[in-house]
Amino acid sequence: MVTLSELQLKDVILIEDGRRLGNISDLEINPVTGKIESIILMVREKKGNFFSKADEIVIDWNQIVRIGSDVILVRDEKSPLLLTNGHKNG
């Protein structure tokens, strides 16, 4: 079994181009089944200041290719859904 704190230490990497997306900040869990539906990454603009609001990237659990000892590899089958200020776009 893997804990959330262990997952948070792993870098999330996009398998198509090797780009680092960030680290897991939270999980979305189905309240009925108890299964993880998606992982949530916090993304802070590099140009922003310390007080700027971070955006979120939500990646569906089925986009995860492999969870390794140091990284989590994800596929970009439908592009991670970028959320701003906690509200879904579109």
PDB file of N, CA and C in Angstrom:
ATOM      1  N   MET A   1       0.848  -1.178   0.000  1.00  0.00           N
ATOM      2  CA  MET A   1       0.000   0.000   0.000  1.00  0.00           C
ATOM      3  C   MET A   1       0.896   1.245   0.000  1.00  0.00           C
ATOM      4  N   VAL A   2       0.452   2.274  -0.712  1.00  0.00           N
ATOM      5  CA  VAL A   2       1.177   3.543  -0.795  1.00  0.00           C
ATOM      6  C   VAL A   2       0.343   4.620  -0.122  1.00  0.00           C
ATOM      7  N   THR A   3       0.972   5.437   0.699  1.00  0.00           N
ATOM      8  CA  THR A   3       0.250   6.517   1.379  1.00  0.00           C
ATOM      9  C   THR A   3       0.301   7.794   0.550  1.00  0.00           C
ATOM     10  N   LEU A   4      -0.596   8.731   0.842  1.00  0.00           N
ATOM     11  CA  LEU A   4      -0.605  10.021   0.153  1.00  0.00           C
ATOM     12  C   LEU A   4       0.714  10.742   0.349  1.00  0.00           C
ATOM     13  N   SER A   5       1.259  10.696   1.553  1.00  0.00           N
ATOM     14  CA  SER A   5       2.523  11.394   1.810  1.00  0.00           C
ATOM     15  C   SER A   5       3.658  10.812   0.963  1.00  0.00           C
ATOM     16  N   GLU A   6       3.637   9.511   0.702  1.00  0.00           N
ATOM     17  CA  GLU A   6       4.640   8.908  -0.179  1.00  0.00           C
ATOM     18  C   GLU A   6       4.437   9.345  -1.625  1.00  0.00           C
ATOM     19  N   LEU A   7       3.181   9.431  -2.065  1.00  0.00           N
ATOM     20  CA  LEU A   7       2.885   9.879  -3.428  1.00  0.00           C
ATOM     21  C   LEU A   7       3.295  11.336  -3.632  1.00  0.00           C
ATOM     22  N   GLN A   8       3.141  12.150  -2.602  1.00  0.00           N
ATOM     23  CA  GLN A   8       3.455  13.572  -2.712  1.00  0.00           C
ATOM     24  C   GLN A   8       4.946  13.829  -2.936  1.00  0.00           C
ATOM     25  N   LEU A   9       5.790  12.889  -2.589  1.00  0.00           N
ATOM     26  CA  LEU A   9       7.230  13.049  -2.768  1.00  0.00           C
ATOM     27  C   LEU A   9       7.684  12.743  -4.197  1.00  0.00           C
ATOM     28  N   LYS A  10       6.837  12.089  -4.976  1.00  0.00           N
ATOM     29  CA  LYS A  10       7.200  11.670  -6.325  1.00  0.00           C
ATOM     30  C   LYS A  10       6.902  12.774  -7.338  1.00  0.00           C
ATOM     31  N   ASP A  11       7.822  12.957  -8.301  1.00  0.00           N
ATOM     32  CA  ASP A  11       7.583  13.890  -9.397  1.00  0.00           C
ATOM     33  C   ASP A  11       6.618  13.250 -10.385  1.00  0.00           C
ATOM     34  N   VAL A  12       5.666  14.041 -10.890  1.00  0.00           N
ATOM     35  CA  VAL A  12       4.751  13.563 -11.919  1.00  0.00           C
ATOM     36  C   VAL A  12       5.318  14.002 -13.267  1.00  0.00           C
ATOM     37  N   ILE A  13       5.590  13.008 -14.140  1.00  0.00           N
ATOM     38  CA  ILE A  13       6.256  13.244 -15.414  1.00  0.00           C
ATOM     39  C   ILE A  13       5.335  12.854 -16.557  1.00  0.00           C
ATOM     40  N   LEU A  14       5.268  13.715 -17.578  1.00  0.00           N
ATOM     41  CA  LEU A  14       4.486  13.442 -18.782  1.00  0.00           C
ATOM     42  C   LEU A  14       5.304  12.523 -19.679  1.00  0.00           C
ATOM     43  N   ILE A  15       4.784  11.346 -19.981  1.00  0.00           N
ATOM     44  CA  ILE A  15       5.547  10.316 -20.674  1.00  0.00           C
ATOM     45  C   ILE A  15       5.873  10.702 -22.124  1.00  0.00           C
ATOM     46  N   GLU A  16       5.035  11.509 -22.763  1.00  0.00           N
ATOM     47  CA  GLU A  16       5.254  11.859 -24.173  1.00  0.00           C
ATOM     48  C   GLU A  16       6.520  12.687 -24.394  1.00  0.00           C
ATOM     49  N   ASP A  17       6.801  13.639 -23.495  1.00  0.00           N
ATOM     50  CA  ASP A  17       7.956  14.516 -23.726  1.00  0.00           C
ATOM     51  C   ASP A  17       8.890  14.638 -22.513  1.00  0.00           C
ATOM     52  N   GLY A  18       8.604  13.907 -21.440  1.00  0.00           N
ATOM     53  CA  GLY A  18       9.468  13.928 -20.263  1.00  0.00           C
ATOM     54  C   GLY A  18       9.339  15.174 -19.410  1.00  0.00           C
ATOM     55  N   ARG A  19       8.340  15.994 -19.693  1.00  0.00           N
ATOM     56  CA  ARG A  19       8.142  17.242 -18.941  1.00  0.00           C
ATOM     57  C   ARG A  19       7.668  16.938 -17.521  1.00  0.00           C
ATOM     58  N   ARG A  20       8.231  17.640 -16.548  1.00  0.00           N
ATOM     59  CA  ARG A  20       7.823  17.514 -15.150  1.00  0.00           C
ATOM     60  C   ARG A  20       6.607  18.400 -14.917  1.00  0.00           C
ATOM     61  N   LEU A  21       5.516  17.798 -14.473  1.00  0.00           N
ATOM     62  CA  LEU A  21       4.287  18.555 -14.230  1.00  0.00           C
ATOM     63  C   LEU A  21       4.212  19.085 -12.807  1.00  0.00           C
ATOM     64  N   GLY A  22       4.866  18.421 -11.876  1.00  0.00           N
ATOM     65  CA  GLY A  22       4.838  18.863 -10.482  1.00  0.00           C
ATOM     66  C   GLY A  22       4.699  17.686  -9.554  1.00  0.00           C
ATOM     67  N   ASN A  23       4.174  17.961  -8.359  1.00  0.00           N
ATOM     68  CA  ASN A  23       3.962  16.928  -7.347  1.00  0.00           C
ATOM     69  C   ASN A  23       2.495  16.900  -6.951  1.00  0.00           C
ATOM     70  N   ILE A  24       2.052  15.757  -6.494  1.00  0.00           N
ATOM     71  CA  ILE A  24       0.658  15.591  -6.070  1.00  0.00           C
ATOM     72  C   ILE A  24       0.401  16.412  -4.814  1.00  0.00           C
ATOM     73  N   SER A  25      -0.686  17.162  -4.832  1.00  0.00           N
ATOM     74  CA  SER A  25      -1.072  17.899  -3.637  1.00  0.00           C
ATOM     75  C   SER A  25      -2.301  17.278  -2.981  1.00  0.00           C
ATOM     76  N   ASP A  26      -3.113  16.567  -3.795  1.00  0.00           N
ATOM     77  CA  ASP A  26      -4.351  16.012  -3.255  1.00  0.00           C
ATOM     78  C   ASP A  26      -4.832  14.894  -4.168  1.00  0.00           C
ATOM     79  N   LEU A  27      -5.814  14.152  -3.697  1.00  0.00           N
ATOM     80  CA  LEU A  27      -6.447  13.083  -4.462  1.00  0.00           C
ATOM     81  C   LEU A  27      -7.938  13.338  -4.516  1.00  0.00           C
ATOM     82  N   GLU A  28      -8.581  12.915  -5.599  1.00  0.00           N
ATOM     83  CA  GLU A  28     -10.036  12.948  -5.686  1.00  0.00           C
ATOM     84  C   GLU A  28     -10.505  11.506  -5.556  1.00  0.00           C
ATOM     85  N   ILE A  29     -11.289  11.235  -4.523  1.00  0.00           N
ATOM     86  CA  ILE A  29     -11.721   9.873  -4.209  1.00  0.00           C
ATOM     87  C   ILE A  29     -13.234   9.766  -4.361  1.00  0.00           C
ATOM     88  N   ASN A  30     -13.677   8.692  -5.027  1.00  0.00           N
ATOM     89  CA  ASN A  30     -15.097   8.431  -5.185  1.00  0.00           C
ATOM     90  C   ASN A  30     -15.657   8.037  -3.826  1.00  0.00           C
ATOM     91  N   PRO A  31     -16.640   8.784  -3.302  1.00  0.00           N
ATOM     92  CA  PRO A  31     -17.153   8.503  -1.956  1.00  0.00           C
ATOM     93  C   PRO A  31     -17.925   7.191  -1.857  1.00  0.00           C
ATOM     94  N   VAL A  32     -18.427   6.678  -2.977  1.00  0.00           N
ATOM     95  CA  VAL A  32     -19.196   5.434  -2.962  1.00  0.00           C
ATOM     96  C   VAL A  32     -18.277   4.219  -3.000  1.00  0.00           C
ATOM     97  N   THR A  33     -17.309   4.235  -3.941  1.00  0.00           N
ATOM     98  CA  THR A  33     -16.429   3.078  -4.118  1.00  0.00           C
ATOM     99  C   THR A  33     -15.168   3.162  -3.277  1.00  0.00           C
ATOM    100  N   GLY A  34     -14.778   4.372  -2.882  1.00  0.00           N
ATOM    101  CA  GLY A  34     -13.540   4.557  -2.135  1.00  0.00           C
ATOM    102  C   GLY A  34     -12.299   4.510  -3.004  1.00  0.00           C
ATOM    103  N   LYS A  35     -12.478   4.456  -4.330  1.00  0.00           N
ATOM    104  CA  LYS A  35     -11.346   4.384  -5.250  1.00  0.00           C
ATOM    105  C   LYS A  35     -10.893   5.780  -5.654  1.00  0.00           C
ATOM    106  N   ILE A  36      -9.591   5.903  -5.925  1.00  0.00           N
ATOM    107  CA  ILE A  36      -9.036   7.174  -6.394  1.00  0.00           C
ATOM    108  C   ILE A  36      -9.480   7.398  -7.830  1.00  0.00           C
ATOM    109  N   GLU A  37     -10.065   8.570  -8.102  1.00  0.00           N
ATOM    110  CA  GLU A  37     -10.503   8.911  -9.455  1.00  0.00           C
ATOM    111  C   GLU A  37      -9.487   9.785 -10.178  1.00  0.00           C
ATOM    112  N   SER A  38      -8.778  10.631  -9.437  1.00  0.00           N
ATOM    113  CA  SER A  38      -7.800  11.507 -10.076  1.00  0.00           C
ATOM    114  C   SER A  38      -6.793  11.997  -9.049  1.00  0.00           C
ATOM    115  N   ILE A  39      -5.669  12.481  -9.586  1.00  0.00           N
ATOM    116  CA  ILE A  39      -4.659  13.117  -8.746  1.00  0.00           C
ATOM    117  C   ILE A  39      -4.668  14.599  -9.068  1.00  0.00           C
ATOM    118  N   ILE A  40      -4.347  15.413  -8.094  1.00  0.00           N
ATOM    119  CA  ILE A  40      -4.378  16.866  -8.254  1.00  0.00           C
ATOM    120  C   ILE A  40      -2.984  17.409  -7.977  1.00  0.00           C
ATOM    121  N   LEU A  41      -2.473  18.187  -8.928  1.00  0.00           N
ATOM    122  CA  LEU A  41      -1.160  18.811  -8.799  1.00  0.00           C
ATOM    123  C   LEU A  41      -1.343  20.306  -8.645  1.00  0.00           C
ATOM    124  N   MET A  42      -0.548  20.929  -7.786  1.00  0.00           N
ATOM    125  CA  MET A  42      -0.555  22.379  -7.660  1.00  0.00           C
ATOM    126  C   MET A  42       0.531  22.939  -8.575  1.00  0.00           C
ATOM    127  N   VAL A  43       0.193  23.947  -9.356  1.00  0.00           N
ATOM    128  CA  VAL A  43       1.124  24.563 -10.290  1.00  0.00           C
ATOM    129  C   VAL A  43       1.188  26.051  -9.978  1.00  0.00           C
ATOM    130  N   ARG A  44       2.380  26.530  -9.692  1.00  0.00           N
ATOM    131  CA  ARG A  44       2.571  27.951  -9.421  1.00  0.00           C
ATOM    132  C   ARG A  44       3.344  28.541 -10.586  1.00  0.00           C
ATOM    133  N   GLU A  45       2.863  29.649 -11.115  1.00  0.00           N
ATOM    134  CA  GLU A  45       3.553  30.329 -12.213  1.00  0.00           C
ATOM    135  C   GLU A  45       4.949  30.722 -11.775  1.00  0.00           C
ATOM    136  N   LYS A  46       5.941  30.435 -12.601  1.00  0.00           N
ATOM    137  CA  LYS A  46       7.316  30.787 -12.256  1.00  0.00           C
ATOM    138  C   LYS A  46       7.502  32.299 -12.199  1.00  0.00           C
ATOM    139  N   LYS A  47       6.705  33.045 -12.970  1.00  0.00           N
ATOM    140  CA  LYS A  47       6.824  34.501 -12.992  1.00  0.00           C
ATOM    141  C   LYS A  47       6.067  35.151 -11.836  1.00  0.00           C
ATOM    142  N   GLY A  48       5.163  34.390 -11.216  1.00  0.00           N
ATOM    143  CA  GLY A  48       4.350  34.957 -10.147  1.00  0.00           C
ATOM    144  C   GLY A  48       5.166  35.178  -8.882  1.00  0.00           C
ATOM    145  N   ASN A  49       4.615  35.982  -7.993  1.00  0.00           N
ATOM    146  CA  ASN A  49       5.321  36.211  -6.734  1.00  0.00           C
ATOM    147  C   ASN A  49       4.892  35.183  -5.689  1.00  0.00           C
ATOM    148  N   PHE A  50       5.436  35.289  -4.519  1.00  0.00           N
ATOM    149  CA  PHE A  50       5.191  34.335  -3.452  1.00  0.00           C
ATOM    150  C   PHE A  50       3.709  34.236  -3.092  1.00  0.00           C
ATOM    151  N   PHE A  51       2.976  35.336  -3.219  1.00  0.00           N
ATOM    152  CA  PHE A  51       1.580  35.371  -2.809  1.00  0.00           C
ATOM    153  C   PHE A  51       0.607  35.045  -3.926  1.00  0.00           C
ATOM    154  N   SER A  52       1.110  34.738  -5.130  1.00  0.00           N
ATOM    155  CA  SER A  52       0.201  34.462  -6.239  1.00  0.00           C
ATOM    156  C   SER A  52      -0.523  33.137  -6.010  1.00  0.00           C
ATOM    157  N   LYS A  53      -1.745  33.049  -6.500  1.00  0.00           N
ATOM    158  CA  LYS A  53      -2.584  31.861  -6.338  1.00  0.00           C
ATOM    159  C   LYS A  53      -2.109  30.762  -7.277  1.00  0.00           C
ATOM    160  N   ALA A  54      -1.962  29.569  -6.752  1.00  0.00           N
ATOM    161  CA  ALA A  54      -1.546  28.436  -7.570  1.00  0.00           C
ATOM    162  C   ALA A  54      -2.752  27.857  -8.304  1.00  0.00           C
ATOM    163  N   ASP A  55      -2.520  27.353  -9.516  1.00  0.00           N
ATOM    164  CA  ASP A  55      -3.549  26.655 -10.271  1.00  0.00           C
ATOM    165  C   ASP A  55      -3.421  25.163  -9.995  1.00  0.00           C
ATOM    166  N   GLU A  56      -4.423  24.415 -10.418  1.00  0.00           N
ATOM    167  CA  GLU A  56      -4.411  22.976 -10.227  1.00  0.00           C
ATOM    168  C   GLU A  56      -4.468  22.267 -11.574  1.00  0.00           C
ATOM    169  N   ILE A  57      -3.784  21.138 -11.668  1.00  0.00           N
ATOM    170  CA  ILE A  57      -3.930  20.235 -12.804  1.00  0.00           C
ATOM    171  C   ILE A  57      -4.548  18.969 -12.254  1.00  0.00           C
ATOM    172  N   VAL A  58      -5.653  18.542 -12.858  1.00  0.00           N
ATOM    173  CA  VAL A  58      -6.330  17.322 -12.443  1.00  0.00           C
ATOM    174  C   VAL A  58      -6.048  16.257 -13.501  1.00  0.00           C
ATOM    175  N   ILE A  59      -5.484  15.136 -13.082  1.00  0.00           N
ATOM    176  CA  ILE A  59      -5.144  14.050 -13.992  1.00  0.00           C
ATOM    177  C   ILE A  59      -5.944  12.824 -13.584  1.00  0.00           C
ATOM    178  N   ASP A  60      -6.739  12.283 -14.526  1.00  0.00           N
ATOM    179  CA  ASP A  60      -7.532  11.086 -14.250  1.00  0.00           C
ATOM    180  C   ASP A  60      -6.628   9.917 -13.897  1.00  0.00           C
ATOM    181  N   TRP A  61      -7.098   9.066 -13.010  1.00  0.00           N
ATOM    182  CA  TRP A  61      -6.321   7.912 -12.567  1.00  0.00           C
ATOM    183  C   TRP A  61      -5.936   7.016 -13.749  1.00  0.00           C
ATOM    184  N   ASN A  62      -6.823   6.921 -14.774  1.00  0.00           N
ATOM    185  CA  ASN A  62      -6.523   6.043 -15.906  1.00  0.00           C
ATOM    186  C   ASN A  62      -5.440   6.614 -16.826  1.00  0.00           C
ATOM    187  N   GLN A  63      -4.984   7.833 -16.604  1.00  0.00           N
ATOM    188  CA  GLN A  63      -3.877   8.412 -17.357  1.00  0.00           C
ATOM    189  C   GLN A  63      -2.526   8.018 -16.766  1.00  0.00           C
ATOM    190  N   ILE A  64      -2.523   7.428 -15.577  1.00  0.00           N
ATOM    191  CA  ILE A  64      -1.270   7.017 -14.939  1.00  0.00           C
ATOM    192  C   ILE A  64      -0.783   5.734 -15.596  1.00  0.00           C
ATOM    193  N   VAL A  65       0.461   5.779 -16.082  1.00  0.00           N
ATOM    194  CA  VAL A  65       1.066   4.626 -16.736  1.00  0.00           C
ATOM    195  C   VAL A  65       1.783   3.760 -15.718  1.00  0.00           C
ATOM    196  N   ARG A  66       2.573   4.379 -14.840  1.00  0.00           N
ATOM    197  CA  ARG A  66       3.337   3.632 -13.849  1.00  0.00           C
ATOM    198  C   ARG A  66       3.670   4.534 -12.667  1.00  0.00           C
ATOM    199  N   ILE A  67       3.628   3.936 -11.485  1.00  0.00           N
ATOM    200  CA  ILE A  67       4.089   4.615 -10.280  1.00  0.00           C
ATOM    201  C   ILE A  67       5.395   3.946  -9.885  1.00  0.00           C
ATOM    202  N   GLY A  68       6.501   4.674 -10.039  1.00  0.00           N
ATOM    203  CA  GLY A  68       7.814   4.133  -9.721  1.00  0.00           C
ATOM    204  C   GLY A  68       8.274   4.564  -8.341  1.00  0.00           C
ATOM    205  N   SER A  69       9.540   4.286  -8.043  1.00  0.00           N
ATOM    206  CA  SER A  69      10.065   4.618  -6.724  1.00  0.00           C
ATOM    207  C   SER A  69      10.262   6.119  -6.545  1.00  0.00           C
ATOM    208  N   ASP A  70      10.540   6.847  -7.644  1.00  0.00           N
ATOM    209  CA  ASP A  70      10.778   8.294  -7.563  1.00  0.00           C
ATOM    210  C   ASP A  70       9.810   9.137  -8.378  1.00  0.00           C
ATOM    211  N   VAL A  71       9.162   8.535  -9.376  1.00  0.00           N
ATOM    212  CA  VAL A  71       8.311   9.294 -10.288  1.00  0.00           C
ATOM    213  C   VAL A  71       6.985   8.589 -10.547  1.00  0.00           C
ATOM    214  N   ILE A  72       6.038   9.384 -11.020  1.00  0.00           N
ATOM    215  CA  ILE A  72       4.761   8.871 -11.505  1.00  0.00           C
ATOM    216  C   ILE A  72       4.685   9.279 -12.970  1.00  0.00           C
ATOM    217  N   LEU A  73       4.585   8.290 -13.861  1.00  0.00           N
ATOM    218  CA  LEU A  73       4.515   8.565 -15.291  1.00  0.00           C
ATOM    219  C   LEU A  73       3.059   8.621 -15.718  1.00  0.00           C
ATOM    220  N   VAL A  74       2.690   9.704 -16.424  1.00  0.00           N
ATOM    221  CA  VAL A  74       1.312   9.867 -16.889  1.00  0.00           C
ATOM    222  C   VAL A  74       1.308  10.081 -18.398  1.00  0.00           C
ATOM    223  N   ARG A  75       0.216   9.668 -19.036  1.00  0.00           N
ATOM    224  CA  ARG A  75       0.055   9.864 -20.475  1.00  0.00           C
ATOM    225  C   ARG A  75      -0.905  11.019 -20.699  1.00  0.00           C
ATOM    226  N   ASP A  76      -0.694  11.723 -21.791  1.00  0.00           N
ATOM    227  CA  ASP A  76      -1.476  12.926 -22.107  1.00  0.00           C
ATOM    228  C   ASP A  76      -2.562  12.597 -23.116  1.00  0.00           C
ATOM    229  N   GLU A  77      -3.383  11.571 -22.831  1.00  0.00           N
ATOM    230  CA  GLU A  77      -4.385  11.135 -23.793  1.00  0.00           C
ATOM    231  C   GLU A  77      -5.478  12.158 -24.042  1.00  0.00           C
ATOM    232  N   LYS A  78      -5.766  12.972 -23.070  1.00  0.00           N
ATOM    233  CA  LYS A  78      -6.796  13.993 -23.272  1.00  0.00           C
ATOM    234  C   LYS A  78      -6.394  15.321 -22.656  1.00  0.00           C
ATOM    235  N   SER A  79      -5.113  15.517 -22.471  1.00  0.00           N
ATOM    236  CA  SER A  79      -4.545  16.711 -21.848  1.00  0.00           C
ATOM    237  C   SER A  79      -5.068  16.895 -20.433  1.00  0.00           C
ATOM    238  N   PRO A  80      -4.168  17.054 -19.471  1.00  0.00           N
ATOM    239  CA  PRO A  80      -4.619  17.291 -18.096  1.00  0.00           C
ATOM    240  C   PRO A  80      -5.535  18.517 -18.036  1.00  0.00           C
ATOM    241  N   LEU A  81      -6.564  18.425 -17.264  1.00  0.00           N
ATOM    242  CA  LEU A  81      -7.542  19.495 -17.138  1.00  0.00           C
ATOM    243  C   LEU A  81      -7.012  20.549 -16.182  1.00  0.00           C
ATOM    244  N   LEU A  82      -6.800  21.744 -16.696  1.00  0.00           N
ATOM    245  CA  LEU A  82      -6.272  22.835 -15.871  1.00  0.00           C
ATOM    246  C   LEU A  82      -7.436  23.533 -15.175  1.00  0.00           C
ATOM    247  N   LEU A  83      -7.327  23.628 -13.873  1.00  0.00           N
ATOM    248  CA  LEU A  83      -8.331  24.309 -13.069  1.00  0.00           C
ATOM    249  C   LEU A  83      -7.734  25.597 -12.532  1.00  0.00           C
ATOM    250  N   THR A  84      -8.545  26.614 -12.475  1.00  0.00           N
ATOM    251  CA  THR A  84      -8.100  27.883 -11.918  1.00  0.00           C
ATOM    252  C   THR A  84      -8.971  28.226 -10.726  1.00  0.00           C
ATOM    253  N   ASN A  85      -8.335  28.538  -9.624  1.00  0.00           N
ATOM    254  CA  ASN A  85      -9.025  28.922  -8.399  1.00  0.00           C
ATOM    255  C   ASN A  85     -10.040  27.882  -7.950  1.00  0.00           C
ATOM    256  N   GLY A  86      -9.776  26.606  -8.247  1.00  0.00           N
ATOM    257  CA  GLY A  86     -10.640  25.527  -7.758  1.00  0.00           C
ATOM    258  C   GLY A  86     -11.906  25.306  -8.534  1.00  0.00           C
ATOM    259  N   HIS A  87     -12.096  25.952  -9.696  1.00  0.00           N
ATOM    260  CA  HIS A  87     -13.312  25.781 -10.478  1.00  0.00           C
ATOM    261  C   HIS A  87     -12.966  25.189 -11.827  1.00  0.00           C
ATOM    262  N   LYS A  88     -13.722  24.181 -12.269  1.00  0.00           N
ATOM    263  CA  LYS A  88     -13.455  23.549 -13.555  1.00  0.00           C
ATOM    264  C   LYS A  88     -13.769  24.505 -14.695  1.00  0.00           C
ATOM    265  N   ASN A  89     -12.880  24.484 -15.698  1.00  0.00           N
ATOM    266  CA  ASN A  89     -13.103  25.274 -16.902  1.00  0.00           C
ATOM    267  C   ASN A  89     -13.979  24.483 -17.858  1.00  0.00           C
ATOM    268  N   GLY A  90     -14.747  25.219 -18.702  1.00  0.00           N
ATOM    269  CA  GLY A  90     -15.506  24.590 -19.775  1.00  0.00           C
ATOM    270  C   GLY A  90     -16.653  23.856 -19.255  1.00  0.00           C
TER     271      GLY A  90
END
